[in-house]
Protein backbone atom coordinates (compact mmCIF):
# COMPACT_ATOMS: atom_id res chain seq x y z
CA MET A 1 121.93 108.31 120.15
CA ASN A 2 118.35 107.18 119.55
CA LYS A 3 118.01 108.37 115.98
CA LYS A 4 116.54 106.72 112.91
CA THR A 5 118.19 108.13 109.81
CA ALA A 6 117.58 108.19 106.06
CA ILE A 7 120.52 108.96 103.77
CA LEU A 8 120.16 110.02 100.15
CA GLY A 9 123.26 109.26 98.09
CA ALA A 10 126.11 106.80 98.43
CA GLY A 11 129.29 108.73 97.79
CA GLY A 12 132.02 109.70 100.20
CA ALA A 13 129.86 112.02 102.29
CA ALA A 14 127.20 109.33 102.74
CA ARG A 15 129.89 106.81 103.66
CA ALA A 16 131.27 109.16 106.33
CA VAL A 17 127.82 109.92 107.75
CA ALA A 18 126.90 106.22 107.89
CA TYR A 19 130.17 105.42 109.66
CA VAL A 20 129.68 108.12 112.30
CA LEU A 21 126.07 107.14 112.89
CA ALA A 22 127.10 103.51 113.41
CA LYS A 23 129.98 104.52 115.68
CA GLU A 24 127.67 106.74 117.74
CA ARG A 25 125.08 103.94 117.92
CA ALA A 26 122.16 105.48 116.09
CA ASP A 27 119.10 103.23 116.05
CA MET A 28 119.21 102.54 112.34
CA VAL A 29 120.12 103.88 108.91
CA ALA A 30 118.31 103.41 105.61
CA ILE A 31 120.25 104.47 102.52
CA PHE A 32 119.14 105.09 98.93
CA ASP A 33 121.16 105.79 95.82
CA ILE A 34 120.18 105.32 92.19
CA ASP A 35 123.23 103.06 91.97
CA ARG A 36 122.15 100.19 94.24
CA ALA A 37 125.67 98.72 94.21
CA LYS A 38 127.07 101.90 95.78
CA SER A 39 124.55 101.95 98.61
CA ALA A 40 125.07 98.21 99.15
CA GLY A 41 128.81 98.89 99.35
CA ILE A 42 128.29 101.35 102.19
CA VAL A 43 126.08 98.85 104.00
CA GLU A 44 128.77 96.19 103.59
CA MET A 45 131.53 98.51 104.85
CA VAL A 46 129.56 99.59 107.92
CA LYS A 47 128.47 96.02 108.74
CA SER A 48 132.09 94.84 108.52
CA LEU A 49 133.06 97.37 111.20
CA PHE A 50 129.85 97.29 113.27
CA PRO A 51 128.24 93.86 112.70
CA GLN A 52 125.26 94.50 114.97
CA PHE A 53 124.37 97.89 113.47
CA ASN A 54 121.00 98.16 111.73
CA ILE A 55 121.83 99.61 108.30
CA PHE A 56 120.24 98.65 105.01
CA ALA A 57 119.86 99.83 101.43
CA VAL A 58 116.47 100.46 99.85
CA ASP A 59 115.36 100.57 96.23
CA SER A 60 113.47 103.87 96.23
CA ILE A 61 113.10 107.16 98.07
CA GLU A 62 109.65 106.04 99.20
CA GLN A 63 111.17 102.97 100.88
CA LEU A 64 113.27 105.28 103.07
CA ALA A 65 110.04 105.88 105.03
CA ILE A 66 111.15 109.41 105.88
CA LYS A 67 108.06 110.08 108.02
CA GLU A 68 109.38 107.44 110.43
CA LYS A 69 112.88 108.96 110.63
CA ASP A 70 114.42 111.55 112.93
CA LEU A 71 117.17 112.66 110.54
CA LEU A 72 117.33 113.02 106.76
CA VAL A 73 120.77 113.51 105.18
CA ASN A 74 121.01 114.66 101.57
CA ALA A 75 124.46 113.49 100.49
CA THR A 76 123.71 114.09 96.81
CA PRO A 77 124.44 117.16 94.70
CA ILE A 78 120.70 117.47 93.96
CA GLY A 79 119.32 120.63 95.52
CA LEU A 80 122.47 122.71 95.28
CA LYS A 81 121.22 124.59 92.21
CA ASP A 82 117.95 126.49 91.95
CA SER A 83 117.14 124.54 88.78
CA ASP A 84 117.43 121.12 90.49
CA PRO A 85 114.26 119.07 90.83
CA VAL A 86 112.64 118.51 94.20
CA ILE A 87 113.24 114.83 94.99
CA ILE A 88 111.42 114.65 98.34
CA LYS A 89 107.73 115.45 98.34
CA GLU A 90 106.62 117.78 101.12
CA ASP A 91 104.07 115.28 102.42
CA ALA A 92 106.94 112.83 103.08
CA LEU A 93 108.36 115.18 105.73
CA HIS A 94 107.29 115.96 109.29
CA SER A 95 107.80 118.92 111.62
CA GLU A 96 110.28 117.14 113.93
CA LEU A 97 112.57 115.96 111.10
CA LEU A 98 116.14 117.26 111.17
CA PHE A 99 117.38 117.75 107.63
CA MET A 100 121.08 117.98 106.77
CA ILE A 101 122.79 118.67 103.45
């Protein structure tokens, strides 16, 4: 599975997605959550099970480098309501990006 992935959020859904991506041997995963400790916890869990897997936490959405990714996973509740703010700027996306919520 030659996919570079960005994950937004660090709850249970993000944990499950990161695990499956590591198990299926994705190229890499970058993860962002406003609670850095939560995203670091997912990185630690995945690295304990798959030591060679390239997963890391970043400090901002911009550091996810979404334009360089194949898959973007929104594992946050943001975007479920019409009144939610847009957290990803359109110019950060590209036409080949697969987006999952």
